């Protein structure tokens, strides 16, 4: 009973009415007065605190001020970090190769190992004269004739055109805006298009999907490939930096790389973009407005 009385007393205090009076200290003249209740004051300041938290969250999430908050980084910082990591990895490999060379030379000079004992890269003890001559079987000859009789430049199986029409309803996000300098030409084994854009332009994912390829090759430079639904696959080549790793899920329009000029087959900063469906190369210009 005593506890209930205390709770009622506390609630009644919140509903009590008070008057806040503003007076002139010299003349004791009443300048203003306000009727207040503790409950109303509590509600007013509570709503004010909630609005202040919402406003602060909005400023942090949607304005450039978030770059000055610890833990947030801008796009340029991420790109520089990726570039530095790539250079560090290259330096580590070069140092490891140099150390191995110096160690081998020291062993040779000290007589710990003879020069003829240095591994040349070919399997030891392998005798190529023991390999017997191979002969084609009748089944192999028939298969060769069937394959050679087909169109050597056709990448599509029968019905591939109808398959490509089945994806015409998809909304593809353009990976980058720019000028197309080289079009889709399967006869010349150019299974994509080349797009020239501004330097350091962001490359975006054309559809939702999972990154299944993110590595470097000597011919195509930094390459990233994304597997989408319905057996769709998009490929982005010659980038200067990759911003996503293998296994990451990306949304359509997410930034995945930076346009560049990496790889031996690149003759200037551009993006080589390919679109594949069920293992068949498609012309991206038929589905995407660049």
C-alpha atoms as a PDB file:
ATOM      1  CA  UNK A   1       0.000   0.000   0.000  1.00  0.00           C
ATOM      2  CA  UNK A   2       2.824   2.367   0.897  1.00  0.00           C
ATOM      3  CA  UNK A   3       4.507   1.787  -2.469  1.00  0.00           C
ATOM      4  CA  UNK A   4       1.272   2.526  -4.381  1.00  0.00           C
ATOM      5  CA  UNK A   5       0.779   5.738  -2.400  1.00  0.00           C
ATOM      6  CA  UNK A   6       4.304   6.859  -3.270  1.00  0.00           C
ATOM      7  CA  UNK A   7       3.710   6.172  -6.975  1.00  0.00           C
ATOM      8  CA  UNK A   8       0.418   8.098  -6.931  1.00  0.00           C
ATOM      9  CA  UNK A   9       2.089  10.948  -5.119  1.00  0.00           C
ATOM     10  CA  UNK A  10       4.889  11.054  -7.680  1.00  0.00           C
ATOM     11  CA  UNK A  11       2.411  11.037 -10.607  1.00  0.00           C
ATOM     12  CA  UNK A  12       0.349  13.797  -8.981  1.00  0.00           C
ATOM     13  CA  UNK A  13       3.501  15.897  -8.648  1.00  0.00           C
ATOM     14  CA  UNK A  14       4.108  15.603 -12.365  1.00  0.00           C
ATOM     15  CA  UNK A  15       0.604  16.974 -13.002  1.00  0.00           C
ATOM     16  CA  UNK A  16       0.925  19.909 -10.579  1.00  0.00           C
ATOM     17  CA  UNK A  17       0.737  23.354 -12.159  1.00  0.00           C
ATOM     18  CA  UNK A  18       3.502  25.899 -11.690  1.00  0.00           C
ATOM     19  CA  UNK A  19       3.946  29.466 -12.838  1.00  0.00           C
ATOM     20  CA  UNK A  20       7.284  30.718 -14.204  1.00  0.00           C
ATOM     21  CA  UNK A  21       7.492  34.502 -13.772  1.00  0.00           C
ATOM     22  CA  UNK A  22      10.062  36.790 -15.415  1.00  0.00           C
ATOM     23  CA  UNK A  23      10.496  40.025 -13.356  1.00  0.00           C
ATOM     24  CA  UNK A  24      12.608  43.143 -13.557  1.00  0.00           C
ATOM     25  CA  UNK A  25      15.056  42.876 -10.663  1.00  0.00           C
ATOM     26  CA  UNK A  26      15.242  46.649 -10.131  1.00  0.00           C
ATOM     27  CA  UNK A  27      11.539  47.527 -10.318  1.00  0.00           C
ATOM     28  CA  UNK A  28      10.075  44.069  -9.524  1.00  0.00           C
ATOM     29  CA  UNK A  29       7.846  44.579 -12.550  1.00  0.00           C
ATOM     30  CA  UNK A  30       6.439  41.372 -13.965  1.00  0.00           C
ATOM     31  CA  UNK A  31       7.482  41.128 -17.594  1.00  0.00           C
ATOM     32  CA  UNK A  32       6.217  37.649 -18.526  1.00  0.00           C
ATOM     33  CA  UNK A  33       4.742  34.549 -16.959  1.00  0.00           C
ATOM     34  CA  UNK A  34       4.320  30.949 -18.115  1.00  0.00           C
ATOM     35  CA  UNK A  35       2.174  28.119 -16.803  1.00  0.00           C
ATOM     36  CA  UNK A  36       4.136  24.885 -16.652  1.00  0.00           C
ATOM     37  CA  UNK A  37       3.728  21.321 -15.581  1.00  0.00           C
ATOM     38  CA  UNK A  38       6.685  18.991 -14.895  1.00  0.00           C
ATOM     39  CA  UNK A  39       5.185  16.429 -17.284  1.00  0.00           C
ATOM     40  CA  UNK A  40       4.979  18.981 -20.124  1.00  0.00           C
ATOM     41  CA  UNK A  41       8.560  20.127 -19.484  1.00  0.00           C
ATOM     42  CA  UNK A  42       9.786  16.526 -19.562  1.00  0.00           C
ATOM     43  CA  UNK A  43       7.944  15.814 -22.857  1.00  0.00           C
ATOM     44  CA  UNK A  44       9.241  19.043 -24.449  1.00  0.00           C
ATOM     45  CA  UNK A  45      12.899  18.400 -23.650  1.00  0.00           C
ATOM     46  CA  UNK A  46      12.558  14.709 -24.568  1.00  0.00           C
ATOM     47  CA  UNK A  47      11.223  15.535 -28.046  1.00  0.00           C
ATOM     48  CA  UNK A  48      13.929  18.180 -28.443  1.00  0.00           C
ATOM     49  CA  UNK A  49      16.635  15.636 -27.640  1.00  0.00           C
ATOM     50  CA  UNK A  50      15.169  13.124 -30.139  1.00  0.00           C
ATOM     51  CA  UNK A  51      15.036  15.753 -32.911  1.00  0.00           C
ATOM     52  CA  UNK A  52      18.623  16.773 -32.151  1.00  0.00           C
ATOM     53  CA  UNK A  53      19.789  13.152 -32.426  1.00  0.00           C
ATOM     54  CA  UNK A  54      17.932  12.689 -35.738  1.00  0.00           C
ATOM     55  CA  UNK A  55      19.396  15.932 -37.142  1.00  0.00           C
ATOM     56  CA  UNK A  56      22.926  14.932 -36.102  1.00  0.00           C
ATOM     57  CA  UNK A  57      22.540  11.479 -37.668  1.00  0.00           C
ATOM     58  CA  UNK A  58      21.277  13.034 -40.917  1.00  0.00           C
ATOM     59  CA  UNK A  59      24.268  15.411 -41.065  1.00  0.00           C
ATOM     60  CA  UNK A  60      26.713  12.564 -40.475  1.00  0.00           C
ATOM     61  CA  UNK A  61      25.114  10.230 -43.033  1.00  0.00           C
ATOM     62  CA  UNK A  62      24.335  12.587 -45.946  1.00  0.00           C
ATOM     63  CA  UNK A  63      26.800  15.491 -45.801  1.00  0.00           C
ATOM     64  CA  UNK A  64      30.566  15.780 -46.407  1.00  0.00           C
ATOM     65  CA  UNK A  65      31.058  16.538 -42.696  1.00  0.00           C
ATOM     66  CA  UNK A  66      31.252  12.802 -42.012  1.00  0.00           C
ATOM     67  CA  UNK A  67      34.751  12.795 -43.534  1.00  0.00           C
ATOM     68  CA  UNK A  68      35.998  14.674 -40.454  1.00  0.00           C
ATOM     69  CA  UNK A  69      34.621  12.033 -38.081  1.00  0.00           C
ATOM     70  CA  UNK A  70      37.072   9.279 -37.066  1.00  0.00           C
ATOM     71  CA  UNK A  71      36.184   6.004 -38.739  1.00  0.00           C
ATOM     72  CA  UNK A  72      34.888   7.518 -42.005  1.00  0.00           C
ATOM     73  CA  UNK A  73      37.057   7.849 -45.128  1.00  0.00           C
ATOM     74  CA  UNK A  74      36.423   9.473 -48.494  1.00  0.00           C
ATOM     75  CA  UNK A  75      36.765   7.807 -51.890  1.00  0.00           C
ATOM     76  CA  UNK A  76      40.185   9.314 -52.608  1.00  0.00           C
ATOM     77  CA  UNK A  77      41.576   8.002 -49.329  1.00  0.00           C
ATOM     78  CA  UNK A  78      40.373   4.471 -50.083  1.00  0.00           C
ATOM     79  CA  UNK A  79      41.912   4.625 -53.554  1.00  0.00           C
ATOM     80  CA  UNK A  80      45.256   5.790 -52.162  1.00  0.00           C
ATOM     81  CA  UNK A  81      45.190   3.022 -49.559  1.00  0.00           C
ATOM     82  CA  UNK A  82      44.543   0.378 -52.246  1.00  0.00           C
ATOM     83  CA  UNK A  83      47.368   1.774 -54.392  1.00  0.00           C
ATOM     84  CA  UNK A  84      49.785   1.766 -51.467  1.00  0.00           C
ATOM     85  CA  UNK A  85      48.857  -1.830 -50.593  1.00  0.00           C
ATOM     86  CA  UNK A  86      49.509  -2.898 -54.177  1.00  0.00           C
ATOM     87  CA  UNK A  87      52.889  -1.169 -54.221  1.00  0.00           C
ATOM     88  CA  UNK A  88      53.793  -2.692 -50.850  1.00  0.00           C
ATOM     89  CA  UNK A  89      52.946  -6.169 -52.119  1.00  0.00           C
ATOM     90  CA  UNK A  90      55.071  -5.631 -55.236  1.00  0.00           C
ATOM     91  CA  UNK A  91      57.993  -4.406 -53.119  1.00  0.00           C
ATOM     92  CA  UNK A  92      57.738  -7.444 -50.839  1.00  0.00           C
ATOM     93  CA  UNK A  93      57.894  -9.792 -53.832  1.00  0.00           C
ATOM     94  CA  UNK A  94      60.863  -7.927 -55.314  1.00  0.00           C
ATOM     95  CA  UNK A  95      62.724  -8.016 -51.989  1.00  0.00           C
ATOM     96  CA  UNK A  96      62.020 -11.738 -51.585  1.00  0.00           C
ATOM     97  CA  UNK A  97      63.374 -12.443 -55.097  1.00  0.00           C
ATOM     98  CA  UNK A  98      66.478 -10.336 -54.409  1.00  0.00           C
ATOM     99  CA  UNK A  99      67.123 -12.090 -51.093  1.00  0.00           C
ATOM    100  CA  UNK A 100      66.791 -15.488 -52.783  1.00  0.00           C
ATOM    101  CA  UNK A 101      69.250 -14.453 -55.506  1.00  0.00           C
ATOM    102  CA  UNK A 102      71.771 -13.143 -52.970  1.00  0.00           C
ATOM    103  CA  UNK A 103      71.439 -16.294 -50.869  1.00  0.00           C
ATOM    104  CA  UNK A 104      72.048 -18.526 -53.889  1.00  0.00           C
ATOM    105  CA  UNK A 105      75.050 -16.463 -54.981  1.00  0.00           C
ATOM    106  CA  UNK A 106      76.511 -16.625 -51.464  1.00  0.00           C
ATOM    107  CA  UNK A 107      76.103 -20.419 -51.422  1.00  0.00           C
ATOM    108  CA  UNK A 108      77.846 -20.715 -54.798  1.00  0.00           C
ATOM    109  CA  UNK A 109      80.727 -18.415 -53.770  1.00  0.00           C
ATOM    110  CA  UNK A 110      81.224 -20.214 -50.460  1.00  0.00           C
ATOM    111  CA  UNK A 111      81.180 -23.580 -52.197  1.00  0.00           C
ATOM    112  CA  UNK A 112      78.111 -24.798 -50.347  1.00  0.00           C
ATOM    113  CA  UNK A 113      76.431 -25.702 -53.630  1.00  0.00           C
ATOM    114  CA  UNK A 114      77.768 -26.286 -57.130  1.00  0.00           C
ATOM    115  CA  UNK A 115      76.415 -24.174 -60.007  1.00  0.00           C
ATOM    116  CA  UNK A 116      75.294 -27.284 -61.902  1.00  0.00           C
ATOM    117  CA  UNK A 117      73.147 -28.275 -58.896  1.00  0.00           C
ATOM    118  CA  UNK A 118      71.007 -25.159 -59.168  1.00  0.00           C
ATOM    119  CA  UNK A 119      67.446 -26.069 -60.092  1.00  0.00           C
ATOM    120  CA  UNK A 120      66.675 -25.019 -63.676  1.00  0.00           C
ATOM    121  CA  UNK A 121      62.900 -25.375 -63.447  1.00  0.00           C
ATOM    122  CA  UNK A 122      62.566 -28.616 -65.416  1.00  0.00           C
ATOM    123  CA  UNK A 123      61.583 -31.856 -63.622  1.00  0.00           C
ATOM    124  CA  UNK A 124      64.652 -33.823 -62.607  1.00  0.00           C
ATOM    125  CA  UNK A 125      65.131 -37.194 -64.188  1.00  0.00           C
ATOM    126  CA  UNK A 126      62.440 -36.688 -66.810  1.00  0.00           C
ATOM    127  CA  UNK A 127      63.241 -38.442 -70.078  1.00  0.00           C
ATOM    128  CA  UNK A 128      61.364 -37.125 -73.058  1.00  0.00           C
ATOM    129  CA  UNK A 129      62.558 -39.884 -75.350  1.00  0.00           C
ATOM    130  CA  UNK A 130      60.334 -42.321 -73.506  1.00  0.00           C
ATOM    131  CA  UNK A 131      57.166 -40.581 -74.660  1.00  0.00           C
ATOM    132  CA  UNK A 132      55.450 -42.740 -77.256  1.00  0.00           C
ATOM    133  CA  UNK A 133      53.921 -41.353 -80.398  1.00  0.00           C
ATOM    134  CA  UNK A 134      50.201 -40.753 -80.079  1.00  0.00           C
ATOM    135  CA  UNK A 135      47.709 -41.836 -82.718  1.00  0.00           C
ATOM    136  CA  UNK A 136      44.233 -40.428 -83.382  1.00  0.00           C
ATOM    137  CA  UNK A 137      41.349 -42.785 -82.772  1.00  0.00           C
ATOM    138  CA  UNK A 138      38.348 -42.968 -85.193  1.00  0.00           C
ATOM    139  CA  UNK A 139      36.102 -41.337 -82.578  1.00  0.00           C
ATOM    140  CA  UNK A 140      38.610 -38.510 -82.156  1.00  0.00           C
ATOM    141  CA  UNK A 141      38.750 -37.953 -85.914  1.00  0.00           C
ATOM    142  CA  UNK A 142      34.939 -37.755 -86.157  1.00  0.00           C
ATOM    143  CA  UNK A 143      34.801 -35.255 -83.291  1.00  0.00           C
ATOM    144  CA  UNK A 144      37.485 -33.112 -84.930  1.00  0.00           C
ATOM    145  CA  UNK A 145      35.564 -33.048 -88.226  1.00  0.00           C
ATOM    146  CA  UNK A 146      32.347 -32.041 -86.416  1.00  0.00           C
ATOM    147  CA  UNK A 147      34.030 -29.206 -84.532  1.00  0.00           C
ATOM    148  CA  UNK A 148      35.940 -27.923 -87.567  1.00  0.00           C
ATOM    149  CA  UNK A 149      32.756 -27.888 -89.684  1.00  0.00           C
ATOM    150  CA  UNK A 150      31.115 -25.378 -87.348  1.00  0.00           C
ATOM    151  CA  UNK A 151      31.379 -21.616 -87.648  1.00  0.00           C
ATOM    152  CA  UNK A 152      34.731 -20.822 -85.973  1.00  0.00           C
ATOM    153  CA  UNK A 153      33.559 -17.336 -84.955  1.00  0.00           C
ATOM    154  CA  UNK A 154      30.244 -18.294 -83.386  1.00  0.00           C
ATOM    155  CA  UNK A 155      30.146 -18.313 -79.581  1.00  0.00           C
ATOM    156  CA  UNK A 156      26.455 -19.058 -79.337  1.00  0.00           C
ATOM    157  CA  UNK A 157      24.715 -22.413 -79.331  1.00  0.00           C
ATOM    158  CA  UNK A 158      21.398 -22.951 -81.157  1.00  0.00           C
ATOM    159  CA  UNK A 159      18.723 -20.901 -79.467  1.00  0.00           C
ATOM    160  CA  UNK A 160      21.158 -18.375 -78.028  1.00  0.00           C
ATOM    161  CA  UNK A 161      19.225 -15.519 -79.608  1.00  0.00           C
ATOM    162  CA  UNK A 162      16.052 -16.495 -77.798  1.00  0.00           C
ATOM    163  CA  UNK A 163      18.034 -16.726 -74.546  1.00  0.00           C
ATOM    164  CA  UNK A 164      19.375 -13.205 -74.992  1.00  0.00           C
ATOM    165  CA  UNK A 165      15.861 -11.943 -75.598  1.00  0.00           C
ATOM    166  CA  UNK A 166      14.825 -13.343 -72.218  1.00  0.00           C
ATOM    167  CA  UNK A 167      17.017 -10.773 -70.431  1.00  0.00           C
ATOM    168  CA  UNK A 168      15.812  -7.763 -72.404  1.00  0.00           C
ATOM    169  CA  UNK A 169      13.531  -6.855 -69.492  1.00  0.00           C
ATOM    170  CA  UNK A 170      16.420  -6.398 -67.045  1.00  0.00           C
ATOM    171  CA  UNK A 171      17.396  -2.876 -65.968  1.00  0.00           C
ATOM    172  CA  UNK A 172      21.180  -2.641 -66.410  1.00  0.00           C
ATOM    173  CA  UNK A 173      23.052   0.158 -64.641  1.00  0.00           C
ATOM    174  CA  UNK A 174      25.718   1.726 -66.935  1.00  0.00           C
ATOM    175  CA  UNK A 175      29.147   0.925 -65.449  1.00  0.00           C
ATOM    176  CA  UNK A 176      30.559   4.279 -66.588  1.00  0.00           C
ATOM    177  CA  UNK A 177      29.490   7.213 -68.738  1.00  0.00           C
ATOM    178  CA  UNK A 178      31.792   7.999 -71.636  1.00  0.00           C
ATOM    179  CA  UNK A 179      32.615   7.576 -75.312  1.00  0.00           C
ATOM    180  CA  UNK A 180      32.653   4.118 -76.906  1.00  0.00           C
ATOM    181  CA  UNK A 181      35.865   3.762 -78.934  1.00  0.00           C
ATOM    182  CA  UNK A 182      35.696   0.050 -79.777  1.00  0.00           C
ATOM    183  CA  UNK A 183      32.495  -1.911 -80.306  1.00  0.00           C
ATOM    184  CA  UNK A 184      31.537  -5.545 -79.799  1.00  0.00           C
ATOM    185  CA  UNK A 185      33.119  -7.663 -82.554  1.00  0.00           C
ATOM    186  CA  UNK A 186      33.278 -11.457 -81.999  1.00  0.00           C
ATOM    187  CA  UNK A 187      34.945 -11.974 -85.394  1.00  0.00           C
ATOM    188  CA  UNK A 188      38.010 -10.116 -84.074  1.00  0.00           C
ATOM    189  CA  UNK A 189      37.609 -11.840 -80.698  1.00  0.00           C
ATOM    190  CA  UNK A 190      36.645  -8.543 -79.079  1.00  0.00           C
ATOM    191  CA  UNK A 191      33.850  -9.779 -76.825  1.00  0.00           C
ATOM    192  CA  UNK A 192      33.047  -6.439 -75.192  1.00  0.00           C
ATOM    193  CA  UNK A 193      33.182  -2.672 -75.688  1.00  0.00           C
ATOM    194  CA  UNK A 194      35.831  -0.081 -74.784  1.00  0.00           C
ATOM    195  CA  UNK A 195      34.613   3.075 -73.021  1.00  0.00           C
ATOM    196  CA  UNK A 196      36.806   6.168 -72.575  1.00  0.00           C
ATOM    197  CA  UNK A 197      35.887   8.452 -69.672  1.00  0.00           C
ATOM    198  CA  UNK A 198      37.439  10.989 -67.306  1.00  0.00           C
ATOM    199  CA  UNK A 199      40.544  10.133 -65.286  1.00  0.00           C
ATOM    200  CA  UNK A 200      39.858   8.461 -61.907  1.00  0.00           C
ATOM    201  CA  UNK A 201      36.237   7.871 -62.927  1.00  0.00           C
ATOM    202  CA  UNK A 202      34.394   5.385 -60.688  1.00  0.00           C
ATOM    203  CA  UNK A 203      33.358   2.049 -62.223  1.00  0.00           C
ATOM    204  CA  UNK A 204      29.959   0.795 -61.014  1.00  0.00           C
ATOM    205  CA  UNK A 205      28.303  -2.619 -60.953  1.00  0.00           C
ATOM    206  CA  UNK A 206      25.705  -3.055 -63.700  1.00  0.00           C
ATOM    207  CA  UNK A 207      23.474  -5.395 -61.592  1.00  0.00           C
ATOM    208  CA  UNK A 208      23.256  -6.915 -58.124  1.00  0.00           C
ATOM    209  CA  UNK A 209      25.660  -9.803 -57.725  1.00  0.00           C
ATOM    210  CA  UNK A 210      28.650 -11.413 -56.036  1.00  0.00           C
ATOM    211  CA  UNK A 211      32.280 -10.670 -56.880  1.00  0.00           C
ATOM    212  CA  UNK A 212      33.818 -13.948 -58.094  1.00  0.00           C
ATOM    213  CA  UNK A 213      36.958 -12.531 -59.741  1.00  0.00           C
ATOM    214  CA  UNK A 214      39.295  -9.777 -58.520  1.00  0.00           C
ATOM    215  CA  UNK A 215      42.931 -10.113 -59.563  1.00  0.00           C
ATOM    216  CA  UNK A 216      45.716  -8.826 -61.833  1.00  0.00           C
ATOM    217  CA  UNK A 217      46.850 -10.243 -65.182  1.00  0.00           C
ATOM    218  CA  UNK A 218      49.706  -9.044 -67.371  1.00  0.00           C
ATOM    219  CA  UNK A 219      47.470  -8.580 -70.443  1.00  0.00           C
ATOM    220  CA  UNK A 220      44.296  -7.061 -68.970  1.00  0.00           C
ATOM    221  CA  UNK A 221      45.636  -5.483 -65.764  1.00  0.00           C
ATOM    222  CA  UNK A 222      43.338  -5.236 -62.773  1.00  0.00           C
ATOM    223  CA  UNK A 223      40.176  -7.211 -63.558  1.00  0.00           C
ATOM    224  CA  UNK A 224      36.968  -7.679 -61.582  1.00  0.00           C
ATOM    225  CA  UNK A 225      34.102 -10.020 -62.490  1.00  0.00           C
ATOM    226  CA  UNK A 226      30.628 -10.201 -60.950  1.00  0.00           C
ATOM    227  CA  UNK A 227      28.208 -13.144 -61.091  1.00  0.00           C
ATOM    228  CA  UNK A 228      24.568 -12.027 -61.315  1.00  0.00           C
ATOM    229  CA  UNK A 229      21.293 -13.901 -61.231  1.00  0.00           C
ATOM    230  CA  UNK A 230      19.967 -15.885 -64.217  1.00  0.00           C
ATOM    231  CA  UNK A 231      23.515 -16.924 -65.283  1.00  0.00           C
ATOM    232  CA  UNK A 232      24.520 -13.343 -66.129  1.00  0.00           C
ATOM    233  CA  UNK A 233      28.187 -12.404 -65.733  1.00  0.00           C
ATOM    234  CA  UNK A 234      29.824  -8.981 -66.159  1.00  0.00           C
ATOM    235  CA  UNK A 235      33.560  -8.348 -66.572  1.00  0.00           C
ATOM    236  CA  UNK A 236      35.484  -5.069 -66.069  1.00  0.00           C
ATOM    237  CA  UNK A 237      39.115  -4.853 -67.306  1.00  0.00           C
ATOM    238  CA  UNK A 238      42.108  -2.433 -67.327  1.00  0.00           C
ATOM    239  CA  UNK A 239      41.223  -0.784 -63.982  1.00  0.00           C
ATOM    240  CA  UNK A 240      43.752   1.213 -61.976  1.00  0.00           C
ATOM    241  CA  UNK A 241      42.433  -0.052 -58.622  1.00  0.00           C
ATOM    242  CA  UNK A 242      39.864  -2.547 -57.328  1.00  0.00           C
ATOM    243  CA  UNK A 243      37.589  -1.523 -54.439  1.00  0.00           C
ATOM    244  CA  UNK A 244      35.860  -4.879 -53.871  1.00  0.00           C
ATOM    245  CA  UNK A 245      37.208  -8.303 -52.965  1.00  0.00           C
ATOM    246  CA  UNK A 246      36.222 -11.799 -54.036  1.00  0.00           C
ATOM    247  CA  UNK A 247      33.095 -12.980 -52.196  1.00  0.00           C
ATOM    248  CA  UNK A 248      31.637  -9.514 -51.526  1.00  0.00           C
ATOM    249  CA  UNK A 249      28.023  -8.827 -52.519  1.00  0.00           C
ATOM    250  CA  UNK A 250      27.393  -5.603 -54.460  1.00  0.00           C
ATOM    251  CA  UNK A 251      24.281  -3.716 -55.471  1.00  0.00           C
ATOM    252  CA  UNK A 252      23.599  -2.222 -58.888  1.00  0.00           C
ATOM    253  CA  UNK A 253      25.387   1.135 -59.021  1.00  0.00           C
ATOM    254  CA  UNK A 254      27.907   0.330 -56.260  1.00  0.00           C
ATOM    255  CA  UNK A 255      31.448   1.552 -56.982  1.00  0.00           C
ATOM    256  CA  UNK A 256      33.690  -1.487 -57.561  1.00  0.00           C
ATOM    257  CA  UNK A 257      36.822  -0.084 -59.255  1.00  0.00           C
ATOM    258  CA  UNK A 258      38.568   2.977 -60.720  1.00  0.00           C
ATOM    259  CA  UNK A 259      39.083   3.447 -64.451  1.00  0.00           C
ATOM    260  CA  UNK A 260      42.681   2.986 -65.537  1.00  0.00           C
ATOM    261  CA  UNK A 261      45.258   1.906 -68.094  1.00  0.00           C
ATOM    262  CA  UNK A 262      46.653  -1.311 -66.617  1.00  0.00           C
ATOM    263  CA  UNK A 263      47.680  -4.327 -68.687  1.00  0.00           C
ATOM    264  CA  UNK A 264      49.713  -4.855 -71.864  1.00  0.00           C
ATOM    265  CA  UNK A 265      46.604  -4.747 -74.125  1.00  0.00           C
ATOM    266  CA  UNK A 266      45.579  -1.270 -72.947  1.00  0.00           C
ATOM    267  CA  UNK A 267      46.583   1.789 -74.988  1.00  0.00           C
ATOM    268  CA  UNK A 268      45.079   4.470 -72.768  1.00  0.00           C
ATOM    269  CA  UNK A 269      42.767   5.025 -69.782  1.00  0.00           C
ATOM    270  CA  UNK A 270      39.494   3.243 -70.530  1.00  0.00           C
ATOM    271  CA  UNK A 271      37.156   0.471 -69.403  1.00  0.00           C
ATOM    272  CA  UNK A 272      36.769  -2.788 -71.313  1.00  0.00           C
ATOM    273  CA  UNK A 273      33.314  -4.077 -70.367  1.00  0.00           C
ATOM    274  CA  UNK A 274      31.947  -7.533 -71.235  1.00  0.00           C
ATOM    275  CA  UNK A 275      28.506  -9.054 -70.623  1.00  0.00           C
ATOM    276  CA  UNK A 276      27.979 -12.837 -70.741  1.00  0.00           C
ATOM    277  CA  UNK A 277      24.782 -14.893 -70.534  1.00  0.00           C
ATOM    278  CA  UNK A 278      24.902 -18.693 -70.148  1.00  0.00           C
ATOM    279  CA  UNK A 279      28.484 -18.669 -71.429  1.00  0.00           C
ATOM    280  CA  UNK A 280      27.578 -16.567 -74.486  1.00  0.00           C
ATOM    281  CA  UNK A 281      29.052 -13.114 -75.089  1.00  0.00           C
ATOM    282  CA  UNK A 282      26.444 -10.381 -75.631  1.00  0.00           C
ATOM    283  CA  UNK A 283      26.704  -6.906 -77.120  1.00  0.00           C
ATOM    284  CA  UNK A 284      26.311  -4.581 -74.091  1.00  0.00           C
ATOM    285  CA  UNK A 285      25.053  -1.722 -76.278  1.00  0.00           C
ATOM    286  CA  UNK A 286      21.849  -3.677 -76.971  1.00  0.00           C
ATOM    287  CA  UNK A 287      20.899  -3.634 -73.290  1.00  0.00           C
ATOM    288  CA  UNK A 288      22.662  -0.616 -71.703  1.00  0.00           C
ATOM    289  CA  UNK A 289      22.541   3.095 -72.564  1.00  0.00           C
ATOM    290  CA  UNK A 290      26.111   4.411 -72.206  1.00  0.00           C
END
